[in-house]
Amino acid sequence: MKKAGVYPECDALITNIPDLPLVISVADCACVYLYDPEEKAIGLIHSGWRGTQKKIVTKTAQLMQVEFNSPIQSMVAVISPCISKDFFEVGLDVYDQFPNQYFTSLPNQKFLLDLKSVIYDELKSLGIEQIFIDPACTFASADKYYSYRRDRQLSGRMMGLMMLKNFVD
């Protein structure tokens, strides 16, 4: 991202411009924060099951590599609170999109998806070693987080925010 603006059909933003905040909204999906300390670049990703299945984290890290010469292995990643493996119930349509190791089976062809583990494993496969995962569950913590799965149309949204600070030596 080279200038401030609203990008409504966008699930990932990157920049190397100091003092230009990146903001995305989520309810149960994960915000994935990428930071390149060498080239001073950042990426902020909205990663729900669809984006995760399409490898949005990999594509964003690779774009940072192309645009900013960011070495992927040096990046630091953070996975925000999102719906946990204890509450993310999905059907066969989602089950068919990921390896079965990320699921717990339920009756009636329903499954629980461990979205944080899918994202973590994708980050590890890229060679990123510094990965921090917030263990909080948006669904289980009604006093702290919005959850579309829990509250449906009454759900609000949380904002993921990330910005490079321009420090003067």
C-alpha atoms as a PDB file:
ATOM      1  CA  MET A   1       0.000   0.000   0.000  1.00  0.00           C
ATOM      2  CA  LYS A   2       1.476   3.289  -1.045  1.00  0.00           C
ATOM      3  CA  LYS A   3      -1.263   5.670   0.082  1.00  0.00           C
ATOM      4  CA  ALA A   4      -4.044   5.894   2.597  1.00  0.00           C
ATOM      5  CA  GLY A   5      -7.461   4.785   1.458  1.00  0.00           C
ATOM      6  CA  VAL A   6     -10.272   2.295   1.855  1.00  0.00           C
ATOM      7  CA  TYR A   7      -9.814  -1.020   0.078  1.00  0.00           C
ATOM      8  CA  PRO A   8     -13.161  -2.813   0.559  1.00  0.00           C
ATOM      9  CA  GLU A   9     -12.506  -5.998  -1.454  1.00  0.00           C
ATOM     10  CA  CYS A  10      -9.159  -6.676   0.150  1.00  0.00           C
ATOM     11  CA  ASP A  11      -8.099  -9.250   2.749  1.00  0.00           C
ATOM     12  CA  ALA A  12      -4.415  -8.280   3.030  1.00  0.00           C
ATOM     13  CA  LEU A  13      -2.449  -5.050   3.091  1.00  0.00           C
ATOM     14  CA  ILE A  14       1.299  -4.431   2.983  1.00  0.00           C
ATOM     15  CA  THR A  15       3.444  -1.333   3.280  1.00  0.00           C
ATOM     16  CA  ASN A  16       6.932  -0.098   4.046  1.00  0.00           C
ATOM     17  CA  ILE A  17       5.825   3.504   4.594  1.00  0.00           C
ATOM     18  CA  PRO A  18       6.252   4.719   8.184  1.00  0.00           C
ATOM     19  CA  ASP A  19       3.244   6.246   9.944  1.00  0.00           C
ATOM     20  CA  LEU A  20       0.769   4.711   7.463  1.00  0.00           C
ATOM     21  CA  PRO A  21      -1.514   2.455   9.535  1.00  0.00           C
ATOM     22  CA  LEU A  22      -2.952  -0.758   8.139  1.00  0.00           C
ATOM     23  CA  VAL A  23      -6.398  -1.689   9.490  1.00  0.00           C
ATOM     24  CA  ILE A  24      -8.636  -4.705   8.856  1.00  0.00           C
ATOM     25  CA  SER A  25     -11.861  -5.818  10.513  1.00  0.00           C
ATOM     26  CA  VAL A  26     -12.610  -9.303  11.819  1.00  0.00           C
ATOM     27  CA  ALA A  27     -15.133 -11.094  14.004  1.00  0.00           C
ATOM     28  CA  ASP A  28     -14.080 -14.776  14.220  1.00  0.00           C
ATOM     29  CA  CYS A  29     -11.381 -14.789  11.542  1.00  0.00           C
ATOM     30  CA  ALA A  30      -7.727 -14.331  12.451  1.00  0.00           C
ATOM     31  CA  CYS A  31      -5.669 -11.205  11.939  1.00  0.00           C
ATOM     32  CA  VAL A  32      -2.207 -12.297  10.935  1.00  0.00           C
ATOM     33  CA  TYR A  33       0.470  -9.668  11.475  1.00  0.00           C
ATOM     34  CA  LEU A  34       3.746  -9.919   9.537  1.00  0.00           C
ATOM     35  CA  TYR A  35       6.772  -7.790  10.363  1.00  0.00           C
ATOM     36  CA  ASP A  36      10.039  -7.674   8.468  1.00  0.00           C
ATOM     37  CA  PRO A  37      12.621  -6.147  10.838  1.00  0.00           C
ATOM     38  CA  GLU A  38      15.363  -6.102   8.182  1.00  0.00           C
ATOM     39  CA  GLU A  39      13.680  -4.112   5.411  1.00  0.00           C
ATOM     40  CA  LYS A  40      11.146  -2.446   7.728  1.00  0.00           C
ATOM     41  CA  ALA A  41       7.937  -3.630   6.086  1.00  0.00           C
ATOM     42  CA  ILE A  42       4.635  -4.946   7.442  1.00  0.00           C
ATOM     43  CA  GLY A  43       1.667  -6.971   6.309  1.00  0.00           C
ATOM     44  CA  LEU A  44      -1.767  -7.338   7.873  1.00  0.00           C
ATOM     45  CA  ILE A  45      -3.999 -10.213   6.801  1.00  0.00           C
ATOM     46  CA  HIS A  46      -7.653 -11.143   7.333  1.00  0.00           C
ATOM     47  CA  SER A  47      -7.454 -14.947   7.393  1.00  0.00           C
ATOM     48  CA  GLY A  48     -10.734 -16.823   7.662  1.00  0.00           C
ATOM     49  CA  TRP A  49     -11.132 -20.356   6.387  1.00  0.00           C
ATOM     50  CA  ARG A  50     -11.550 -19.249   2.752  1.00  0.00           C
ATOM     51  CA  GLY A  51      -8.470 -17.014   2.727  1.00  0.00           C
ATOM     52  CA  THR A  52      -6.483 -19.599   4.644  1.00  0.00           C
ATOM     53  CA  GLN A  53      -7.463 -22.285   2.136  1.00  0.00           C
ATOM     54  CA  LYS A  54      -6.274 -19.979  -0.672  1.00  0.00           C
ATOM     55  CA  LYS A  55      -2.923 -19.457   1.100  1.00  0.00           C
ATOM     56  CA  ILE A  56      -3.412 -15.740   1.694  1.00  0.00           C
ATOM     57  CA  VAL A  57      -0.632 -15.717   4.300  1.00  0.00           C
ATOM     58  CA  THR A  58       1.862 -17.231   1.861  1.00  0.00           C
ATOM     59  CA  LYS A  59       0.796 -14.886  -0.923  1.00  0.00           C
ATOM     60  CA  THR A  60       1.161 -11.860   1.338  1.00  0.00           C
ATOM     61  CA  ALA A  61       4.620 -12.881   2.572  1.00  0.00           C
ATOM     62  CA  GLN A  62       5.718 -13.537  -1.011  1.00  0.00           C
ATOM     63  CA  LEU A  63       4.394 -10.152  -2.123  1.00  0.00           C
ATOM     64  CA  MET A  64       6.381  -8.484   0.672  1.00  0.00           C
ATOM     65  CA  GLN A  65       9.427 -10.345  -0.614  1.00  0.00           C
ATOM     66  CA  VAL A  66       8.850  -9.065  -4.172  1.00  0.00           C
ATOM     67  CA  GLU A  67       7.827  -5.502  -3.294  1.00  0.00           C
ATOM     68  CA  PHE A  68      10.180  -4.781  -0.402  1.00  0.00           C
ATOM     69  CA  ASN A  69      12.913  -7.427  -0.689  1.00  0.00           C
ATOM     70  CA  SER A  70      11.686  -8.834   2.631  1.00  0.00           C
ATOM     71  CA  PRO A  71      13.396 -12.096   3.595  1.00  0.00           C
ATOM     72  CA  ILE A  72      10.508 -14.359   4.584  1.00  0.00           C
ATOM     73  CA  GLN A  73      12.590 -16.376   7.056  1.00  0.00           C
ATOM     74  CA  SER A  74      13.367 -13.195   9.024  1.00  0.00           C
ATOM     75  CA  MET A  75       9.740 -12.179   9.406  1.00  0.00           C
ATOM     76  CA  VAL A  76       7.935 -12.159  12.721  1.00  0.00           C
ATOM     77  CA  ALA A  77       4.306 -13.331  12.716  1.00  0.00           C
ATOM     78  CA  VAL A  78       1.461 -12.928  15.179  1.00  0.00           C
ATOM     79  CA  ILE A  79      -1.884 -14.732  14.994  1.00  0.00           C
ATOM     80  CA  SER A  80      -4.630 -12.797  16.777  1.00  0.00           C
ATOM     81  CA  PRO A  81      -7.510 -14.117  18.841  1.00  0.00           C
ATOM     82  CA  CYS A  82     -10.009 -15.882  16.594  1.00  0.00           C
ATOM     83  CA  ILE A  83     -12.525 -18.683  16.871  1.00  0.00           C
ATOM     84  CA  SER A  84     -10.867 -21.721  18.460  1.00  0.00           C
ATOM     85  CA  LYS A  85     -10.818 -25.377  17.540  1.00  0.00           C
ATOM     86  CA  ASP A  86     -13.387 -25.977  20.282  1.00  0.00           C
ATOM     87  CA  PHE A  87     -16.103 -23.889  18.588  1.00  0.00           C
ATOM     88  CA  PHE A  88     -15.367 -23.565  14.859  1.00  0.00           C
ATOM     89  CA  GLU A  89     -17.994 -26.010  13.582  1.00  0.00           C
ATOM     90  CA  VAL A  90     -17.981 -26.612   9.819  1.00  0.00           C
ATOM     91  CA  GLY A  91     -19.511 -29.003   7.323  1.00  0.00           C
ATOM     92  CA  LEU A  92     -18.163 -31.253   4.597  1.00  0.00           C
ATOM     93  CA  ASP A  93     -17.683 -28.281   2.253  1.00  0.00           C
ATOM     94  CA  VAL A  94     -14.931 -26.926   4.526  1.00  0.00           C
ATOM     95  CA  TYR A  95     -13.684 -30.342   5.631  1.00  0.00           C
ATOM     96  CA  ASP A  96     -12.829 -31.146   2.016  1.00  0.00           C
ATOM     97  CA  GLN A  97     -10.588 -28.050   1.794  1.00  0.00           C
ATOM     98  CA  PHE A  98      -7.963 -28.974   4.420  1.00  0.00           C
ATOM     99  CA  PRO A  99      -6.030 -32.042   5.585  1.00  0.00           C
ATOM    100  CA  ASN A 100      -8.017 -34.040   8.141  1.00  0.00           C
ATOM    101  CA  GLN A 101      -5.350 -33.492  10.827  1.00  0.00           C
ATOM    102  CA  TYR A 102      -6.893 -30.057  11.473  1.00  0.00           C
ATOM    103  CA  PHE A 103     -10.329 -31.427  12.360  1.00  0.00           C
ATOM    104  CA  THR A 104     -12.162 -33.074  15.207  1.00  0.00           C
ATOM    105  CA  SER A 105     -15.162 -35.115  14.045  1.00  0.00           C
ATOM    106  CA  LEU A 106     -18.646 -34.461  15.364  1.00  0.00           C
ATOM    107  CA  PRO A 107     -21.911 -36.305  14.642  1.00  0.00           C
ATOM    108  CA  ASN A 108     -23.919 -35.636  11.461  1.00  0.00           C
ATOM    109  CA  GLN A 109     -20.938 -34.915   9.185  1.00  0.00           C
ATOM    110  CA  LYS A 110     -19.898 -31.870  11.186  1.00  0.00           C
ATOM    111  CA  PHE A 111     -16.353 -31.058  12.215  1.00  0.00           C
ATOM    112  CA  LEU A 112     -14.389 -28.639  14.382  1.00  0.00           C
ATOM    113  CA  LEU A 113     -11.626 -26.819  12.479  1.00  0.00           C
ATOM    114  CA  ASP A 114      -8.388 -25.712  14.159  1.00  0.00           C
ATOM    115  CA  LEU A 115      -7.813 -22.549  12.103  1.00  0.00           C
ATOM    116  CA  LYS A 116      -4.912 -21.321  14.245  1.00  0.00           C
ATOM    117  CA  SER A 117      -2.982 -24.550  13.628  1.00  0.00           C
ATOM    118  CA  VAL A 118      -3.553 -24.345   9.872  1.00  0.00           C
ATOM    119  CA  ILE A 119      -2.189 -20.784   9.830  1.00  0.00           C
ATOM    120  CA  TYR A 120       0.694 -21.661  12.161  1.00  0.00           C
ATOM    121  CA  ASP A 121       1.734 -24.603   9.990  1.00  0.00           C
ATOM    122  CA  GLU A 122       1.576 -22.439   6.870  1.00  0.00           C
ATOM    123  CA  LEU A 123       3.848 -19.861   8.509  1.00  0.00           C
ATOM    124  CA  LYS A 124       6.271 -22.607   9.608  1.00  0.00           C
ATOM    125  CA  SER A 125       6.323 -24.066   6.084  1.00  0.00           C
ATOM    126  CA  LEU A 126       7.455 -20.657   4.818  1.00  0.00           C
ATOM    127  CA  GLY A 127      10.423 -20.824   7.178  1.00  0.00           C
ATOM    128  CA  ILE A 128       9.147 -18.248   9.654  1.00  0.00           C
ATOM    129  CA  GLU A 129      10.459 -19.173  13.085  1.00  0.00           C
ATOM    130  CA  GLN A 130       9.166 -16.324  15.240  1.00  0.00           C
ATOM    131  CA  ILE A 131       5.445 -17.005  15.449  1.00  0.00           C
ATOM    132  CA  PHE A 132       3.295 -15.831  18.318  1.00  0.00           C
ATOM    133  CA  ILE A 133      -0.252 -17.128  18.778  1.00  0.00           C
ATOM    134  CA  ASP A 134      -2.781 -15.459  21.018  1.00  0.00           C
ATOM    135  CA  PRO A 135      -4.665 -18.377  22.613  1.00  0.00           C
ATOM    136  CA  ALA A 136      -7.897 -16.413  23.158  1.00  0.00           C
ATOM    137  CA  CYS A 137     -11.098 -17.590  21.490  1.00  0.00           C
ATOM    138  CA  THR A 138     -13.485 -14.967  20.117  1.00  0.00           C
ATOM    139  CA  PHE A 139     -16.488 -17.305  20.418  1.00  0.00           C
ATOM    140  CA  ALA A 140     -15.816 -18.299  24.044  1.00  0.00           C
ATOM    141  CA  SER A 141     -15.040 -14.802  25.340  1.00  0.00           C
ATOM    142  CA  ALA A 142     -18.230 -12.782  24.897  1.00  0.00           C
ATOM    143  CA  ASP A 143     -16.997 -10.237  27.445  1.00  0.00           C
ATOM    144  CA  LYS A 144     -13.909  -9.406  25.349  1.00  0.00           C
ATOM    145  CA  TYR A 145     -14.496 -10.231  21.669  1.00  0.00           C
ATOM    146  CA  TYR A 146     -17.087 -10.048  18.936  1.00  0.00           C
ATOM    147  CA  SER A 147     -18.074 -13.342  17.317  1.00  0.00           C
ATOM    148  CA  TYR A 148     -20.246 -13.671  14.254  1.00  0.00           C
ATOM    149  CA  ARG A 149     -20.650 -17.404  14.902  1.00  0.00           C
ATOM    150  CA  ARG A 150     -21.944 -16.661  18.390  1.00  0.00           C
ATOM    151  CA  ASP A 151     -23.948 -13.452  17.850  1.00  0.00           C
ATOM    152  CA  ARG A 152     -24.865 -13.591  14.129  1.00  0.00           C
ATOM    153  CA  GLN A 153     -26.249 -10.287  12.801  1.00  0.00           C
ATOM    154  CA  LEU A 154     -25.851  -8.647  16.216  1.00  0.00           C
ATOM    155  CA  SER A 155     -22.087  -9.120  16.100  1.00  0.00           C
ATOM    156  CA  GLY A 156     -19.773  -6.159  15.873  1.00  0.00           C
ATOM    157  CA  ARG A 157     -16.276  -6.236  14.441  1.00  0.00           C
ATOM    158  CA  MET A 158     -12.801  -5.893  15.912  1.00  0.00           C
ATOM    159  CA  MET A 159     -10.028  -4.026  14.179  1.00  0.00           C
ATOM    160  CA  GLY A 160      -6.531  -5.294  13.573  1.00  0.00           C
ATOM    161  CA  LEU A 161      -4.122  -2.360  13.406  1.00  0.00           C
ATOM    162  CA  MET A 162      -0.452  -2.265  12.480  1.00  0.00           C
ATOM    163  CA  MET A 163       1.908   0.607  11.671  1.00  0.00           C
ATOM    164  CA  LEU A 164       5.608   1.183  11.182  1.00  0.00           C
ATOM    165  CA  LYS A 165       6.875   4.008  13.319  1.00  0.00           C
ATOM    166  CA  ASN A 166       9.360   6.432  11.851  1.00  0.00           C
ATOM    167  CA  PHE A 167      12.027   6.802  14.527  1.00  0.00           C
ATOM    168  CA  VAL A 168      14.646   9.476  14.066  1.00  0.00           C
ATOM    169  CA  ASP A 169      18.152   8.580  15.223  1.00  0.00           C
END
